[in-house]
Amino acid sequence: MVKNVLSTAGYGTRDWLIQRFSAIFMAVYCFALISYIVWLPSINYYDWHNLFANTWVKIATILFVLSLLFHAWIGMWTVFTDYIRSSVLRAIKEALVLIMLAACFFWALMILWSV
C-alpha cells in the first residue's frame, strides 16, 4: 500500500485530539491561575514575580502558550481550507498566520525567560 506523506489531506483525528488536549490543558492552567488570584486577593508585582520565578510555572506557561498556538493554528487552518478556495491566497494567509504564531511564541519565551 502506498502512503502519501506529503499530502495535507487527512482524517482529522490527530487535529481533533490536539485541539481537545490543548483545550483541556489551557482550561487547567487558567483554573490554576484564577485560583492563585483568588487565594491572594491583594496581589501585587512581587507576588507575580515570585510566582513566575519558579521554573515549573515558566514551563507550564510555555506549555500553555504552545497549546494556545497549536489550537489557534488548527482552527485557522480549518477555516482557511473551508472558506478560501484560491490555493495561492490560502498559502499566503497560512504563511502569515504561521509567522505571527512563531513571533508570539518567541515573544513569550523572551518575556518568561528574561531577567
C-alpha atoms as a PDB file:
ATOM      1  CA  MET A   1       0.000   0.000   0.000  1.00  0.00           C
ATOM      2  CA  VAL A   2       1.352   3.413  -0.945  1.00  0.00           C
ATOM      3  CA  LYS A   3       1.026   6.198   1.595  1.00  0.00           C
ATOM      4  CA  ASN A   4       1.373   9.812   0.520  1.00  0.00           C
ATOM      5  CA  VAL A   5       3.255  11.513   3.363  1.00  0.00           C
ATOM      6  CA  LEU A   6       3.264  14.916   1.662  1.00  0.00           C
ATOM      7  CA  SER A   7      -0.482  15.161   1.408  1.00  0.00           C
ATOM      8  CA  THR A   8      -2.272  17.774   3.518  1.00  0.00           C
ATOM      9  CA  ALA A   9      -5.447  15.717   3.414  1.00  0.00           C
ATOM     10  CA  GLY A  10      -6.065  13.532   6.391  1.00  0.00           C
ATOM     11  CA  TYR A  11      -8.741  12.076   8.508  1.00  0.00           C
ATOM     12  CA  GLY A  12      -8.570  14.805  11.104  1.00  0.00           C
ATOM     13  CA  THR A  13      -8.239  12.584  14.169  1.00  0.00           C
ATOM     14  CA  ARG A  14      -4.802  13.945  15.051  1.00  0.00           C
ATOM     15  CA  ASP A  15      -6.002  17.540  14.719  1.00  0.00           C
ATOM     16  CA  TRP A  16      -9.098  16.794  16.771  1.00  0.00           C
ATOM     17  CA  LEU A  17      -7.005  15.214  19.539  1.00  0.00           C
ATOM     18  CA  ILE A  18      -4.523  18.102  19.573  1.00  0.00           C
ATOM     19  CA  GLN A  19      -7.338  20.618  19.884  1.00  0.00           C
ATOM     20  CA  ARG A  20      -9.058  18.695  22.667  1.00  0.00           C
ATOM     21  CA  PHE A  21      -5.907  18.079  24.715  1.00  0.00           C
ATOM     22  CA  SER A  22      -4.729  21.650  24.235  1.00  0.00           C
ATOM     23  CA  ALA A  23      -8.137  22.942  25.331  1.00  0.00           C
ATOM     24  CA  ILE A  24      -8.047  20.757  28.442  1.00  0.00           C
ATOM     25  CA  PHE A  25      -4.519  21.882  29.323  1.00  0.00           C
ATOM     26  CA  MET A  26      -5.431  25.550  28.799  1.00  0.00           C
ATOM     27  CA  ALA A  27      -8.516  25.151  30.988  1.00  0.00           C
ATOM     28  CA  VAL A  28      -6.490  23.542  33.798  1.00  0.00           C
ATOM     29  CA  TYR A  29      -3.821  26.262  33.551  1.00  0.00           C
ATOM     30  CA  CYS A  30      -6.453  29.028  33.638  1.00  0.00           C
ATOM     31  CA  PHE A  31      -8.190  27.389  36.596  1.00  0.00           C
ATOM     32  CA  ALA A  32      -4.882  27.209  38.486  1.00  0.00           C
ATOM     33  CA  LEU A  33      -4.038  30.826  37.709  1.00  0.00           C
ATOM     34  CA  ILE A  34      -7.502  32.051  38.699  1.00  0.00           C
ATOM     35  CA  SER A  35      -7.253  30.011  41.915  1.00  0.00           C
ATOM     36  CA  TYR A  36      -3.946  31.720  42.674  1.00  0.00           C
ATOM     37  CA  ILE A  37      -5.517  35.139  42.099  1.00  0.00           C
ATOM     38  CA  VAL A  38      -8.480  34.300  44.347  1.00  0.00           C
ATOM     39  CA  TRP A  39      -6.187  32.868  47.015  1.00  0.00           C
ATOM     40  CA  LEU A  40      -4.185  36.119  47.177  1.00  0.00           C
ATOM     41  CA  PRO A  41      -6.785  38.891  46.890  1.00  0.00           C
ATOM     42  CA  SER A  42      -4.275  41.732  47.266  1.00  0.00           C
ATOM     43  CA  ILE A  43      -1.854  40.574  44.627  1.00  0.00           C
ATOM     44  CA  ASN A  44       0.989  42.876  43.682  1.00  0.00           C
ATOM     45  CA  TYR A  45       4.049  42.883  41.443  1.00  0.00           C
ATOM     46  CA  TYR A  46       6.198  40.959  43.917  1.00  0.00           C
ATOM     47  CA  ASP A  47       3.623  38.172  44.192  1.00  0.00           C
ATOM     48  CA  TRP A  48       3.544  37.834  40.391  1.00  0.00           C
ATOM     49  CA  HIS A  49       7.309  37.968  40.214  1.00  0.00           C
ATOM     50  CA  ASN A  50       7.670  35.258  42.862  1.00  0.00           C
ATOM     51  CA  LEU A  51       5.104  33.079  41.102  1.00  0.00           C
ATOM     52  CA  PHE A  52       6.781  33.313  37.703  1.00  0.00           C
ATOM     53  CA  ALA A  53      10.270  32.974  39.182  1.00  0.00           C
ATOM     54  CA  ASN A  54       9.531  29.267  39.674  1.00  0.00           C
ATOM     55  CA  THR A  55      10.826  27.116  36.845  1.00  0.00           C
ATOM     56  CA  TRP A  56       7.768  24.864  36.879  1.00  0.00           C
ATOM     57  CA  VAL A  57       5.481  27.873  36.384  1.00  0.00           C
ATOM     58  CA  LYS A  58       7.602  29.041  33.460  1.00  0.00           C
ATOM     59  CA  ILE A  59       7.460  25.597  31.893  1.00  0.00           C
ATOM     60  CA  ALA A  60       3.696  25.356  32.456  1.00  0.00           C
ATOM     61  CA  THR A  61       3.262  28.801  30.917  1.00  0.00           C
ATOM     62  CA  ILE A  62       5.332  27.872  27.868  1.00  0.00           C
ATOM     63  CA  LEU A  63       3.248  24.707  27.508  1.00  0.00           C
ATOM     64  CA  PHE A  64       0.135  26.882  27.765  1.00  0.00           C
ATOM     65  CA  VAL A  65       1.444  29.164  25.019  1.00  0.00           C
ATOM     66  CA  LEU A  66       2.319  26.168  22.824  1.00  0.00           C
ATOM     67  CA  SER A  67      -1.136  24.694  23.417  1.00  0.00           C
ATOM     68  CA  LEU A  68      -2.727  28.000  22.505  1.00  0.00           C
ATOM     69  CA  LEU A  69      -0.640  28.296  19.339  1.00  0.00           C
ATOM     70  CA  PHE A  70      -1.382  24.734  18.179  1.00  0.00           C
ATOM     71  CA  HIS A  71      -5.052  25.249  18.983  1.00  0.00           C
ATOM     72  CA  ALA A  72      -5.104  28.509  17.020  1.00  0.00           C
ATOM     73  CA  TRP A  73      -3.197  27.034  14.074  1.00  0.00           C
ATOM     74  CA  ILE A  74      -5.569  24.090  13.681  1.00  0.00           C
ATOM     75  CA  GLY A  75      -8.564  26.397  13.915  1.00  0.00           C
ATOM     76  CA  MET A  76      -7.197  28.862  11.378  1.00  0.00           C
ATOM     77  CA  TRP A  77      -6.082  26.086   9.019  1.00  0.00           C
ATOM     78  CA  THR A  78      -9.578  24.607   9.156  1.00  0.00           C
ATOM     79  CA  VAL A  79     -11.219  27.944   8.415  1.00  0.00           C
ATOM     80  CA  PHE A  80      -8.800  28.692   5.576  1.00  0.00           C
ATOM     81  CA  THR A  81      -9.271  25.309   3.921  1.00  0.00           C
ATOM     82  CA  ASP A  82     -13.049  25.533   4.258  1.00  0.00           C
ATOM     83  CA  TYR A  83     -13.577  29.088   3.031  1.00  0.00           C
ATOM     84  CA  ILE A  84     -10.631  30.152   0.852  1.00  0.00           C
ATOM     85  CA  ARG A  85     -10.727  28.357  -2.486  1.00  0.00           C
ATOM     86  CA  SER A  86      -7.688  30.012  -4.078  1.00  0.00           C
ATOM     87  CA  SER A  87      -4.664  27.914  -3.156  1.00  0.00           C
ATOM     88  CA  VAL A  88      -2.283  30.857  -3.608  1.00  0.00           C
ATOM     89  CA  LEU A  89      -4.289  33.145  -1.341  1.00  0.00           C
ATOM     90  CA  ARG A  90      -4.715  30.341   1.190  1.00  0.00           C
ATOM     91  CA  ALA A  91      -0.963  29.642   1.218  1.00  0.00           C
ATOM     92  CA  ILE A  92      -0.189  33.339   1.734  1.00  0.00           C
ATOM     93  CA  LYS A  93      -2.634  33.598   4.622  1.00  0.00           C
ATOM     94  CA  GLU A  94      -1.360  30.384   6.197  1.00  0.00           C
ATOM     95  CA  ALA A  95       2.227  31.637   5.934  1.00  0.00           C
ATOM     96  CA  LEU A  96       1.263  34.935   7.570  1.00  0.00           C
ATOM     97  CA  VAL A  97      -0.510  33.128  10.402  1.00  0.00           C
ATOM     98  CA  LEU A  98       2.473  30.811  10.922  1.00  0.00           C
ATOM     99  CA  ILE A  99       4.853  33.779  11.049  1.00  0.00           C
ATOM    100  CA  MET A 100       2.605  35.546  13.549  1.00  0.00           C
ATOM    101  CA  LEU A 101       2.277  32.449  15.744  1.00  0.00           C
ATOM    102  CA  ALA A 102       6.040  31.873  15.697  1.00  0.00           C
ATOM    103  CA  ALA A 103       6.615  35.509  16.638  1.00  0.00           C
ATOM    104  CA  CYS A 104       4.176  35.169  19.536  1.00  0.00           C
ATOM    105  CA  PHE A 105       5.985  32.047  20.750  1.00  0.00           C
ATOM    106  CA  PHE A 106       9.405  33.702  20.690  1.00  0.00           C
ATOM    107  CA  TRP A 107       7.970  36.820  22.334  1.00  0.00           C
ATOM    108  CA  ALA A 108       6.556  34.653  25.142  1.00  0.00           C
ATOM    109  CA  LEU A 109       9.938  32.949  25.526  1.00  0.00           C
ATOM    110  CA  MET A 110      11.682  36.307  25.812  1.00  0.00           C
ATOM    111  CA  ILE A 111       9.179  37.554  28.395  1.00  0.00           C
ATOM    112  CA  LEU A 112       9.305  34.440  30.566  1.00  0.00           C
ATOM    113  CA  TRP A 113      12.999  33.697  30.491  1.00  0.00           C
ATOM    114  CA  SER A 114      14.350  37.249  30.669  1.00  0.00           C
ATOM    115  CA  VAL A 115      15.785  38.536  33.906  1.00  0.00           C
END
